Amino acid sequence: MTVESKVRFLESLADKTRLRIVEALREREKTVSQLVKELGASQSNISGHLRLLKISGIIKSRHEGKYVYYSLSSSVIDEFLSKLEDLIKAMKREALESA
């Protein structure tokens, strides 16, 4: 894997709204309307971020009737976020211990 592909992946998550969307999708799949309501952002804003997350491969979509449901593309994304949380906690703990 190249450095550039890692940068693209991390840049996809390095936006507060996109990260909030991904966090919301960790719970279960959701429609744009559900995400708009949960995150308090406009539909066009959420849709744009969903498009970028889908292009980056972080999320996927499925159609059911007139609805489009979004979910994480892989359980590996959830595992990555859990490891990231562990890393941040460990870094904070080490910083406190060395202070």
PDB file of N, CA and C in Angstrom:
ATOM      1  N   MET A   1       0.847  -1.174   0.000  1.00  0.00           N
ATOM      2  CA  MET A   1       0.000   0.000   0.000  1.00  0.00           C
ATOM      3  C   MET A   1       0.894   1.239   0.000  1.00  0.00           C
ATOM      4  N   THR A   2       0.558   2.189  -0.842  1.00  0.00           N
ATOM      5  CA  THR A   2       1.379   3.390  -0.959  1.00  0.00           C
ATOM      6  C   THR A   2       1.026   4.418   0.112  1.00  0.00           C
ATOM      7  N   VAL A   3       1.940   5.326   0.328  1.00  0.00           N
ATOM      8  CA  VAL A   3       1.693   6.428   1.259  1.00  0.00           C
ATOM      9  C   VAL A   3       0.507   7.249   0.771  1.00  0.00           C
ATOM     10  N   GLU A   4       0.416   7.450  -0.543  1.00  0.00           N
ATOM     11  CA  GLU A   4      -0.672   8.245  -1.114  1.00  0.00           C
ATOM     12  C   GLU A   4      -2.040   7.627  -0.821  1.00  0.00           C
ATOM     13  N   SER A   5      -2.143   6.311  -0.915  1.00  0.00           N
ATOM     14  CA  SER A   5      -3.433   5.673  -0.643  1.00  0.00           C
ATOM     15  C   SER A   5      -3.791   5.782   0.843  1.00  0.00           C
ATOM     16  N   LYS A   6      -2.790   5.735   1.707  1.00  0.00           N
ATOM     17  CA  LYS A   6      -3.039   5.923   3.139  1.00  0.00           C
ATOM     18  C   LYS A   6      -3.506   7.351   3.413  1.00  0.00           C
ATOM     19  N   VAL A   7      -2.856   8.309   2.753  1.00  0.00           N
ATOM     20  CA  VAL A   7      -3.240   9.718   2.921  1.00  0.00           C
ATOM     21  C   VAL A   7      -4.674   9.927   2.458  1.00  0.00           C
ATOM     22  N   ARG A   8      -5.045   9.384   1.301  1.00  0.00           N
ATOM     23  CA  ARG A   8      -6.422   9.533   0.797  1.00  0.00           C
ATOM     24  C   ARG A   8      -7.434   8.947   1.780  1.00  0.00           C
ATOM     25  N   PHE A   9      -7.121   7.788   2.326  1.00  0.00           N
ATOM     26  CA  PHE A   9      -8.025   7.159   3.292  1.00  0.00           C
ATOM     27  C   PHE A   9      -8.178   8.032   4.534  1.00  0.00           C
ATOM     28  N   LEU A  10      -7.056   8.480   5.085  1.00  0.00           N
ATOM     29  CA  LEU A  10      -7.109   9.296   6.298  1.00  0.00           C
ATOM     30  C   LEU A  10      -7.766  10.645   6.040  1.00  0.00           C
ATOM     31  N   GLU A  11      -7.537  11.229   4.866  1.00  0.00           N
ATOM     32  CA  GLU A  11      -8.192  12.496   4.523  1.00  0.00           C
ATOM     33  C   GLU A  11      -9.705  12.329   4.453  1.00  0.00           C
ATOM     34  N   SER A  12     -10.150  11.157   4.030  1.00  0.00           N
ATOM     35  CA  SER A  12     -11.593  10.900   3.970  1.00  0.00           C
ATOM     36  C   SER A  12     -12.227  10.959   5.350  1.00  0.00           C
ATOM     37  N   LEU A  13     -11.474  10.596   6.366  1.00  0.00           N
ATOM     38  CA  LEU A  13     -11.986  10.601   7.735  1.00  0.00           C
ATOM     39  C   LEU A  13     -11.634  11.881   8.493  1.00  0.00           C
ATOM     40  N   ALA A  14     -10.776  12.716   7.903  1.00  0.00           N
ATOM     41  CA  ALA A  14     -10.277  13.907   8.595  1.00  0.00           C
ATOM     42  C   ALA A  14     -11.196  15.110   8.427  1.00  0.00           C
ATOM     43  N   ASP A  15     -12.473  14.861   8.456  1.00  0.00           N
ATOM     44  CA  ASP A  15     -13.485  15.912   8.396  1.00  0.00           C
ATOM     45  C   ASP A  15     -14.508  15.582   9.472  1.00  0.00           C
ATOM     46  N   LYS A  16     -14.869  16.573  10.265  1.00  0.00           N
ATOM     47  CA  LYS A  16     -15.757  16.327  11.406  1.00  0.00           C
ATOM     48  C   LYS A  16     -17.084  15.704  10.982  1.00  0.00           C
ATOM     49  N   THR A  17     -17.694  16.228   9.927  1.00  0.00           N
ATOM     50  CA  THR A  17     -18.990  15.692   9.489  1.00  0.00           C
ATOM     51  C   THR A  17     -18.846  14.269   8.974  1.00  0.00           C
ATOM     52  N   ARG A  18     -17.820  14.013   8.161  1.00  0.00           N
ATOM     53  CA  ARG A  18     -17.637  12.655   7.639  1.00  0.00           C
ATOM     54  C   ARG A  18     -17.365  11.668   8.768  1.00  0.00           C
ATOM     55  N   LEU A  19     -16.574  12.071   9.732  1.00  0.00           N
ATOM     56  CA  LEU A  19     -16.299  11.174  10.857  1.00  0.00           C
ATOM     57  C   LEU A  19     -17.565  10.932  11.675  1.00  0.00           C
ATOM     58  N   ARG A  20     -18.383  11.954  11.840  1.00  0.00           N
ATOM     59  CA  ARG A  20     -19.652  11.775  12.556  1.00  0.00           C
ATOM     60  C   ARG A  20     -20.575  10.823  11.789  1.00  0.00           C
ATOM     61  N   ILE A  21     -20.573  10.913  10.470  1.00  0.00           N
ATOM     62  CA  ILE A  21     -21.376   9.995   9.652  1.00  0.00           C
ATOM     63  C   ILE A  21     -20.892   8.562   9.860  1.00  0.00           C
ATOM     64  N   VAL A  22     -19.592   8.370   9.777  1.00  0.00           N
ATOM     65  CA  VAL A  22     -19.026   7.025   9.947  1.00  0.00           C
ATOM     66  C   VAL A  22     -19.345   6.491  11.342  1.00  0.00           C
ATOM     67  N   GLU A  23     -19.219   7.335  12.348  1.00  0.00           N
ATOM     68  CA  GLU A  23     -19.560   6.909  13.714  1.00  0.00           C
ATOM     69  C   GLU A  23     -21.030   6.509  13.801  1.00  0.00           C
ATOM     70  N   ALA A  24     -21.908   7.275  13.172  1.00  0.00           N
ATOM     71  CA  ALA A  24     -23.343   6.949  13.186  1.00  0.00           C
ATOM     72  C   ALA A  24     -23.608   5.620  12.491  1.00  0.00           C
ATOM     73  N   LEU A  25     -22.858   5.337  11.438  1.00  0.00           N
ATOM     74  CA  LEU A  25     -23.062   4.099  10.688  1.00  0.00           C
ATOM     75  C   LEU A  25     -22.442   2.892  11.383  1.00  0.00           C
ATOM     76  N   ARG A  26     -21.643   3.117  12.400  1.00  0.00           N
ATOM     77  CA  ARG A  26     -21.116   1.995  13.182  1.00  0.00           C
ATOM     78  C   ARG A  26     -22.252   1.292  13.912  1.00  0.00           C
ATOM     79  N   GLU A  27     -23.289   2.046  14.275  1.00  0.00           N
ATOM     80  CA  GLU A  27     -24.425   1.489  15.014  1.00  0.00           C
ATOM     81  C   GLU A  27     -25.269   0.584  14.126  1.00  0.00           C
ATOM     82  N   ARG A  28     -25.634   1.118  12.945  1.00  0.00           N
ATOM     83  CA  ARG A  28     -26.476   0.370  11.996  1.00  0.00           C
ATOM     84  C   ARG A  28     -26.559   1.170  10.706  1.00  0.00           C
ATOM     85  N   GLU A  29     -27.089   0.546   9.660  1.00  0.00           N
ATOM     86  CA  GLU A  29     -27.261   1.260   8.398  1.00  0.00           C
ATOM     87  C   GLU A  29     -28.336   2.328   8.547  1.00  0.00           C
ATOM     88  N   LYS A  30     -28.193   3.404   7.768  1.00  0.00           N
ATOM     89  CA  LYS A  30     -29.126   4.523   7.878  1.00  0.00           C
ATOM     90  C   LYS A  30     -29.343   5.168   6.521  1.00  0.00           C
ATOM     91  N   THR A  31     -30.479   5.849   6.397  1.00  0.00           N
ATOM     92  CA  THR A  31     -30.781   6.620   5.189  1.00  0.00           C
ATOM     93  C   THR A  31     -30.230   8.031   5.353  1.00  0.00           C
ATOM     94  N   VAL A  32     -30.208   8.772   4.244  1.00  0.00           N
ATOM     95  CA  VAL A  32     -29.783  10.171   4.296  1.00  0.00           C
ATOM     96  C   VAL A  32     -30.656  10.937   5.285  1.00  0.00           C
ATOM     97  N   SER A  33     -31.956  10.719   5.219  1.00  0.00           N
ATOM     98  CA  SER A  33     -32.881  11.430   6.115  1.00  0.00           C
ATOM     99  C   SER A  33     -32.573  11.154   7.578  1.00  0.00           C
ATOM    100  N   GLN A  34     -32.263   9.920   7.902  1.00  0.00           N
ATOM    101  CA  GLN A  34     -31.922   9.582   9.285  1.00  0.00           C
ATOM    102  C   GLN A  34     -30.637  10.286   9.715  1.00  0.00           C
ATOM    103  N   LEU A  35     -29.653  10.328   8.816  1.00  0.00           N
ATOM    104  CA  LEU A  35     -28.391  10.999   9.131  1.00  0.00           C
ATOM    105  C   LEU A  35     -28.585  12.504   9.275  1.00  0.00           C
ATOM    106  N   VAL A  36     -29.416  13.094   8.407  1.00  0.00           N
ATOM    107  CA  VAL A  36     -29.714  14.528   8.493  1.00  0.00           C
ATOM    108  C   VAL A  36     -30.307  14.848   9.858  1.00  0.00           C
ATOM    109  N   LYS A  37     -31.273  14.051  10.272  1.00  0.00           N
ATOM    110  CA  LYS A  37     -31.934  14.270  11.564  1.00  0.00           C
ATOM    111  C   LYS A  37     -30.955  14.084  12.722  1.00  0.00           C
ATOM    112  N   GLU A  38     -30.168  13.027  12.662  1.00  0.00           N
ATOM    113  CA  GLU A  38     -29.243  12.707  13.753  1.00  0.00           C
ATOM    114  C   GLU A  38     -28.111  13.725  13.877  1.00  0.00           C
ATOM    115  N   LEU A  39     -27.594  14.179  12.731  1.00  0.00           N
ATOM    116  CA  LEU A  39     -26.425  15.060  12.750  1.00  0.00           C
ATOM    117  C   LEU A  39     -26.779  16.541  12.683  1.00  0.00           C
ATOM    118  N   GLY A  40     -28.024  16.850  12.341  1.00  0.00           N
ATOM    119  CA  GLY A  40     -28.442  18.242  12.286  1.00  0.00           C
ATOM    120  C   GLY A  40     -27.806  19.040  11.166  1.00  0.00           C
ATOM    121  N   ALA A  41     -27.523  18.397  10.059  1.00  0.00           N
ATOM    122  CA  ALA A  41     -26.941  19.068   8.895  1.00  0.00           C
ATOM    123  C   ALA A  41     -27.944  19.012   7.745  1.00  0.00           C
ATOM    124  N   SER A  42     -27.683  19.778   6.702  1.00  0.00           N
ATOM    125  CA  SER A  42     -28.592  19.788   5.555  1.00  0.00           C
ATOM    126  C   SER A  42     -28.441  18.506   4.741  1.00  0.00           C
ATOM    127  N   GLN A  43     -29.476  18.196   3.991  1.00  0.00           N
ATOM    128  CA  GLN A  43     -29.439  16.989   3.167  1.00  0.00           C
ATOM    129  C   GLN A  43     -28.343  17.080   2.113  1.00  0.00           C
ATOM    130  N   SER A  44     -28.173  18.255   1.505  1.00  0.00           N
ATOM    131  CA  SER A  44     -27.138  18.390   0.474  1.00  0.00           C
ATOM    132  C   SER A  44     -25.748  18.219   1.078  1.00  0.00           C
ATOM    133  N   ASN A  45     -25.548  18.717   2.292  1.00  0.00           N
ATOM    134  CA  ASN A  45     -24.266  18.576   2.971  1.00  0.00           C
ATOM    135  C   ASN A  45     -23.974  17.108   3.258  1.00  0.00           C
ATOM    136  N   ILE A  46     -24.937  16.414   3.838  1.00  0.00           N
ATOM    137  CA  ILE A  46     -24.767  14.992   4.161  1.00  0.00           C
ATOM    138  C   ILE A  46     -24.559  14.177   2.890  1.00  0.00           C
ATOM    139  N   SER A  47     -25.343  14.459   1.859  1.00  0.00           N
ATOM    140  CA  SER A  47     -25.222  13.713   0.598  1.00  0.00           C
ATOM    141  C   SER A  47     -23.838  13.872  -0.013  1.00  0.00           C
ATOM    142  N   GLY A  48     -23.297  15.081   0.034  1.00  0.00           N
ATOM    143  CA  GLY A  48     -21.946  15.309  -0.493  1.00  0.00           C
ATOM    144  C   GLY A  48     -20.900  14.518   0.264  1.00  0.00           C
ATOM    145  N   HIS A  49     -21.011  14.499   1.570  1.00  0.00           N
ATOM    146  CA  HIS A  49     -20.060  13.736   2.384  1.00  0.00           C
ATOM    147  C   HIS A  49     -20.231  12.233   2.158  1.00  0.00           C
ATOM    148  N   LEU A  50     -21.461  11.776   2.012  1.00  0.00           N
ATOM    149  CA  LEU A  50     -21.695  10.354   1.721  1.00  0.00           C
ATOM    150  C   LEU A  50     -21.051   9.965   0.397  1.00  0.00           C
ATOM    151  N   ARG A  51     -21.164  10.839  -0.591  1.00  0.00           N
ATOM    152  CA  ARG A  51     -20.560  10.564  -1.902  1.00  0.00           C
ATOM    153  C   ARG A  51     -19.046  10.377  -1.763  1.00  0.00           C
ATOM    154  N   LEU A  52     -18.390  11.279  -1.021  1.00  0.00           N
ATOM    155  CA  LEU A  52     -16.941  11.169  -0.835  1.00  0.00           C
ATOM    156  C   LEU A  52     -16.561   9.904  -0.066  1.00  0.00           C
ATOM    157  N   LEU A  53     -17.328   9.580   0.961  1.00  0.00           N
ATOM    158  CA  LEU A  53     -17.048   8.363   1.734  1.00  0.00           C
ATOM    159  C   LEU A  53     -17.249   7.109   0.895  1.00  0.00           C
ATOM    160  N   LYS A  54     -18.225   7.152   0.007  1.00  0.00           N
ATOM    161  CA  LYS A  54     -18.476   6.001  -0.865  1.00  0.00           C
ATOM    162  C   LYS A  54     -17.351   5.849  -1.887  1.00  0.00           C
ATOM    163  N   ILE A  55     -16.912   6.955  -2.472  1.00  0.00           N
ATOM    164  CA  ILE A  55     -15.807   6.924  -3.436  1.00  0.00           C
ATOM    165  C   ILE A  55     -14.540   6.374  -2.777  1.00  0.00           C
ATOM    166  N   SER A  56     -14.327   6.739  -1.523  1.00  0.00           N
ATOM    167  CA  SER A  56     -13.124   6.287  -0.817  1.00  0.00           C
ATOM    168  C   SER A  56     -13.220   4.830  -0.367  1.00  0.00           C
ATOM    169  N   GLY A  57     -14.412   4.239  -0.478  1.00  0.00           N
ATOM    170  CA  GLY A  57     -14.582   2.836  -0.112  1.00  0.00           C
ATOM    171  C   GLY A  57     -14.887   2.601   1.354  1.00  0.00           C
ATOM    172  N   ILE A  58     -15.133   3.668   2.095  1.00  0.00           N
ATOM    173  CA  ILE A  58     -15.392   3.534   3.526  1.00  0.00           C
ATOM    174  C   ILE A  58     -16.825   3.093   3.793  1.00  0.00           C
ATOM    175  N   ILE A  59     -17.750   3.541   2.956  1.00  0.00           N
ATOM    176  CA  ILE A  59     -19.148   3.135   3.109  1.00  0.00           C
ATOM    177  C   ILE A  59     -19.654   2.529   1.806  1.00  0.00           C
ATOM    178  N   LYS A  60     -20.792   1.871   1.907  1.00  0.00           N
ATOM    179  CA  LYS A  60     -21.476   1.317   0.740  1.00  0.00           C
ATOM    180  C   LYS A  60     -22.950   1.663   0.864  1.00  0.00           C
ATOM    181  N   SER A  61     -23.683   1.466  -0.215  1.00  0.00           N
ATOM    182  CA  SER A  61     -25.118   1.756  -0.182  1.00  0.00           C
ATOM    183  C   SER A  61     -25.884   0.598  -0.797  1.00  0.00           C
ATOM    184  N   ARG A  62     -27.151   0.521  -0.398  1.00  0.00           N
ATOM    185  CA  ARG A  62     -28.052  -0.455  -1.001  1.00  0.00           C
ATOM    186  C   ARG A  62     -29.416   0.205  -1.138  1.00  0.00           C
ATOM    187  N   HIS A  63     -30.103  -0.153  -2.195  1.00  0.00           N
ATOM    188  CA  HIS A  63     -31.427   0.407  -2.468  1.00  0.00           C
ATOM    189  C   HIS A  63     -32.500  -0.563  -1.992  1.00  0.00           C
ATOM    190  N   GLU A  64     -33.515  -0.004  -1.355  1.00  0.00           N
ATOM    191  CA  GLU A  64     -34.681  -0.787  -0.949  1.00  0.00           C
ATOM    192  C   GLU A  64     -35.902   0.094  -1.197  1.00  0.00           C
ATOM    193  N   GLY A  65     -36.623  -0.225  -2.266  1.00  0.00           N
ATOM    194  CA  GLY A  65     -37.746   0.624  -2.651  1.00  0.00           C
ATOM    195  C   GLY A  65     -37.242   1.998  -3.025  1.00  0.00           C
ATOM    196  N   LYS A  66     -37.829   3.025  -2.429  1.00  0.00           N
ATOM    197  CA  LYS A  66     -37.407   4.390  -2.746  1.00  0.00           C
ATOM    198  C   LYS A  66     -36.290   4.886  -1.825  1.00  0.00           C
ATOM    199  N   TYR A  67     -35.835   4.037  -0.918  1.00  0.00           N
ATOM    200  CA  TYR A  67     -34.815   4.441   0.044  1.00  0.00           C
ATOM    201  C   TYR A  67     -33.438   3.898  -0.329  1.00  0.00           C
ATOM    202  N   VAL A  68     -32.410   4.662   0.042  1.00  0.00           N
ATOM    203  CA  VAL A  68     -31.026   4.225  -0.089  1.00  0.00           C
ATOM    204  C   VAL A  68     -30.469   4.140   1.325  1.00  0.00           C
ATOM    205  N   TYR A  69     -29.972   2.978   1.673  1.00  0.00           N
ATOM    206  CA  TYR A  69     -29.400   2.753   2.997  1.00  0.00           C
ATOM    207  C   TYR A  69     -27.881   2.728   2.893  1.00  0.00           C
ATOM    208  N   TYR A  70     -27.237   3.424   3.812  1.00  0.00           N
ATOM    209  CA  TYR A  70     -25.777   3.488   3.848  1.00  0.00           C
ATOM    210  C   TYR A  70     -25.269   2.715   5.056  1.00  0.00           C
ATOM    211  N   SER A  71     -24.133   2.052   4.867  1.00  0.00           N
ATOM    212  CA  SER A  71     -23.508   1.300   5.956  1.00  0.00           C
ATOM    213  C   SER A  71     -22.002   1.288   5.733  1.00  0.00           C
ATOM    214  N   LEU A  72     -21.272   0.867   6.756  1.00  0.00           N
ATOM    215  CA  LEU A  72     -19.828   0.720   6.597  1.00  0.00           C
ATOM    216  C   LEU A  72     -19.567  -0.372   5.572  1.00  0.00           C
ATOM    217  N   SER A  73     -18.551  -0.181   4.763  1.00  0.00           N
ATOM    218  CA  SER A  73     -18.271  -1.149   3.700  1.00  0.00           C
ATOM    219  C   SER A  73     -17.695  -2.451   4.236  1.00  0.00           C
ATOM    220  N   SER A  74     -17.117  -2.395   5.429  1.00  0.00           N
ATOM    221  CA  SER A  74     -16.473  -3.579   5.997  1.00  0.00           C
ATOM    222  C   SER A  74     -16.390  -3.438   7.513  1.00  0.00           C
ATOM    223  N   SER A  75     -16.397  -4.557   8.199  1.00  0.00           N
ATOM    224  CA  SER A  75     -16.212  -4.530   9.654  1.00  0.00           C
ATOM    225  C   SER A  75     -14.811  -4.040  10.009  1.00  0.00           C
ATOM    226  N   VAL A  76     -13.899  -4.086   9.047  1.00  0.00           N
ATOM    227  CA  VAL A  76     -12.532  -3.613   9.271  1.00  0.00           C
ATOM    228  C   VAL A  76     -12.525  -2.112   9.584  1.00  0.00           C
ATOM    229  N   ILE A  77     -13.467  -1.362   9.008  1.00  0.00           N
ATOM    230  CA  ILE A  77     -13.569   0.073   9.288  1.00  0.00           C
ATOM    231  C   ILE A  77     -13.895   0.276  10.768  1.00  0.00           C
ATOM    232  N   ASP A  78     -14.833  -0.487  11.283  1.00  0.00           N
ATOM    233  CA  ASP A  78     -15.187  -0.401  12.701  1.00  0.00           C
ATOM    234  C   ASP A  78     -13.992  -0.784  13.570  1.00  0.00           C
ATOM    235  N   GLU A  79     -13.273  -1.825  13.174  1.00  0.00           N
ATOM    236  CA  GLU A  79     -12.086  -2.252  13.919  1.00  0.00           C
ATOM    237  C   GLU A  79     -11.019  -1.162  13.905  1.00  0.00           C
ATOM    238  N   PHE A  80     -10.839  -0.511  12.754  1.00  0.00           N
ATOM    239  CA  PHE A  80      -9.869   0.581  12.640  1.00  0.00           C
ATOM    240  C   PHE A  80     -10.218   1.707  13.615  1.00  0.00           C
ATOM    241  N   LEU A  81     -11.494   2.084  13.662  1.00  0.00           N
ATOM    242  CA  LEU A  81     -11.921   3.164  14.556  1.00  0.00           C
ATOM    243  C   LEU A  81     -11.750   2.774  16.025  1.00  0.00           C
ATOM    244  N   SER A  82     -11.998   1.513  16.346  1.00  0.00           N
ATOM    245  CA  SER A  82     -11.777   1.042  17.721  1.00  0.00           C
ATOM    246  C   SER A  82     -10.301   1.121  18.086  1.00  0.00           C
ATOM    247  N   LYS A  83      -9.433   0.711  17.167  1.00  0.00           N
ATOM    248  CA  LYS A  83      -7.982   0.786  17.402  1.00  0.00           C
ATOM    249  C   LYS A  83      -7.533   2.237  17.527  1.00  0.00           C
ATOM    250  N   LEU A  84      -8.110   3.121  16.721  1.00  0.00           N
ATOM    251  CA  LEU A  84      -7.791   4.545  16.796  1.00  0.00           C
ATOM    252  C   LEU A  84      -8.166   5.101  18.170  1.00  0.00           C
ATOM    253  N   GLU A  85      -9.338   4.720  18.663  1.00  0.00           N
ATOM    254  CA  GLU A  85      -9.762   5.148  20.004  1.00  0.00           C
ATOM    255  C   GLU A  85      -8.789   4.641  21.064  1.00  0.00           C
ATOM    256  N   ASP A  86      -8.364   3.380  20.940  1.00  0.00           N
ATOM    257  CA  ASP A  86      -7.395   2.812  21.882  1.00  0.00           C
ATOM    258  C   ASP A  86      -6.073   3.575  21.826  1.00  0.00           C
ATOM    259  N   LEU A  87      -5.628   3.910  20.625  1.00  0.00           N
ATOM    260  CA  LEU A  87      -4.380   4.643  20.446  1.00  0.00           C
ATOM    261  C   LEU A  87      -4.451   6.015  21.110  1.00  0.00           C
ATOM    262  N   ILE A  88      -5.547   6.731  20.890  1.00  0.00           N
ATOM    263  CA  ILE A  88      -5.710   8.065  21.477  1.00  0.00           C
ATOM    264  C   ILE A  88      -5.723   7.983  23.003  1.00  0.00           C
ATOM    265  N   LYS A  89      -6.434   7.001  23.548  1.00  0.00           N
ATOM    266  CA  LYS A  89      -6.469   6.820  25.009  1.00  0.00           C
ATOM    267  C   LYS A  89      -5.072   6.526  25.558  1.00  0.00           C
ATOM    268  N   ALA A  90      -4.328   5.650  24.877  1.00  0.00           N
ATOM    269  CA  ALA A  90      -2.982   5.290  25.327  1.00  0.00           C
ATOM    270  C   ALA A  90      -2.046   6.494  25.267  1.00  0.00           C
ATOM    271  N   MET A  91      -2.160   7.281  24.221  1.00  0.00           N
ATOM    272  CA  MET A  91      -1.308   8.467  24.096  1.00  0.00           C
ATOM    273  C   MET A  91      -1.614   9.479  25.202  1.00  0.00           C
ATOM    274  N   LYS A  92      -2.890   9.662  25.517  1.00  0.00           N
ATOM    275  CA  LYS A  92      -3.270  10.582  26.598  1.00  0.00           C
ATOM    276  C   LYS A  92      -2.747  10.072  27.937  1.00  0.00           C
ATOM    277  N   ARG A  93      -2.881   8.769  28.151  1.00  0.00           N
ATOM    278  CA  ARG A  93      -2.416   8.158  29.396  1.00  0.00           C
ATOM    279  C   ARG A  93      -0.900   8.336  29.540  1.00  0.00           C
ATOM    280  N   GLU A  94      -0.159   8.083  28.470  1.00  0.00           N
ATOM    281  CA  GLU A  94       1.297   8.235  28.507  1.00  0.00           C
ATOM    282  C   GLU A  94       1.698   9.686  28.723  1.00  0.00           C
ATOM    283  N   ALA A  95       0.960  10.608  28.112  1.00  0.00           N
ATOM    284  CA  ALA A  95       1.267  12.030  28.284  1.00  0.00           C
ATOM    285  C   ALA A  95       1.061  12.452  29.734  1.00  0.00           C
ATOM    286  N   LEU A  96       0.004  11.941  30.371  1.00  0.00           N
ATOM    287  CA  LEU A  96      -0.258  12.271  31.776  1.00  0.00           C
ATOM    288  C   LEU A  96       0.807  11.675  32.696  1.00  0.00           C
ATOM    289  N   GLU A  97       1.238  10.456  32.367  1.00  0.00           N
ATOM    290  CA  GLU A  97       2.241   9.787  33.197  1.00  0.00           C
ATOM    291  C   GLU A  97       3.601  10.462  33.103  1.00  0.00           C
ATOM    292  N   SER A  98       3.922  11.018  31.950  1.00  0.00           N
ATOM    293  CA  SER A  98       5.232  11.641  31.768  1.00  0.00           C
ATOM    294  C   SER A  98       5.242  13.114  32.167  1.00  0.00           C
ATOM    295  N   ALA A  99       4.081  13.647  32.513  1.00  0.00           N
ATOM    296  CA  ALA A  99       4.014  15.077  32.887  1.00  0.00           C
ATOM    297  C   ALA A  99       4.422  15.301  34.322  1.00  0.00           C
TER     298      ALA A  99
END
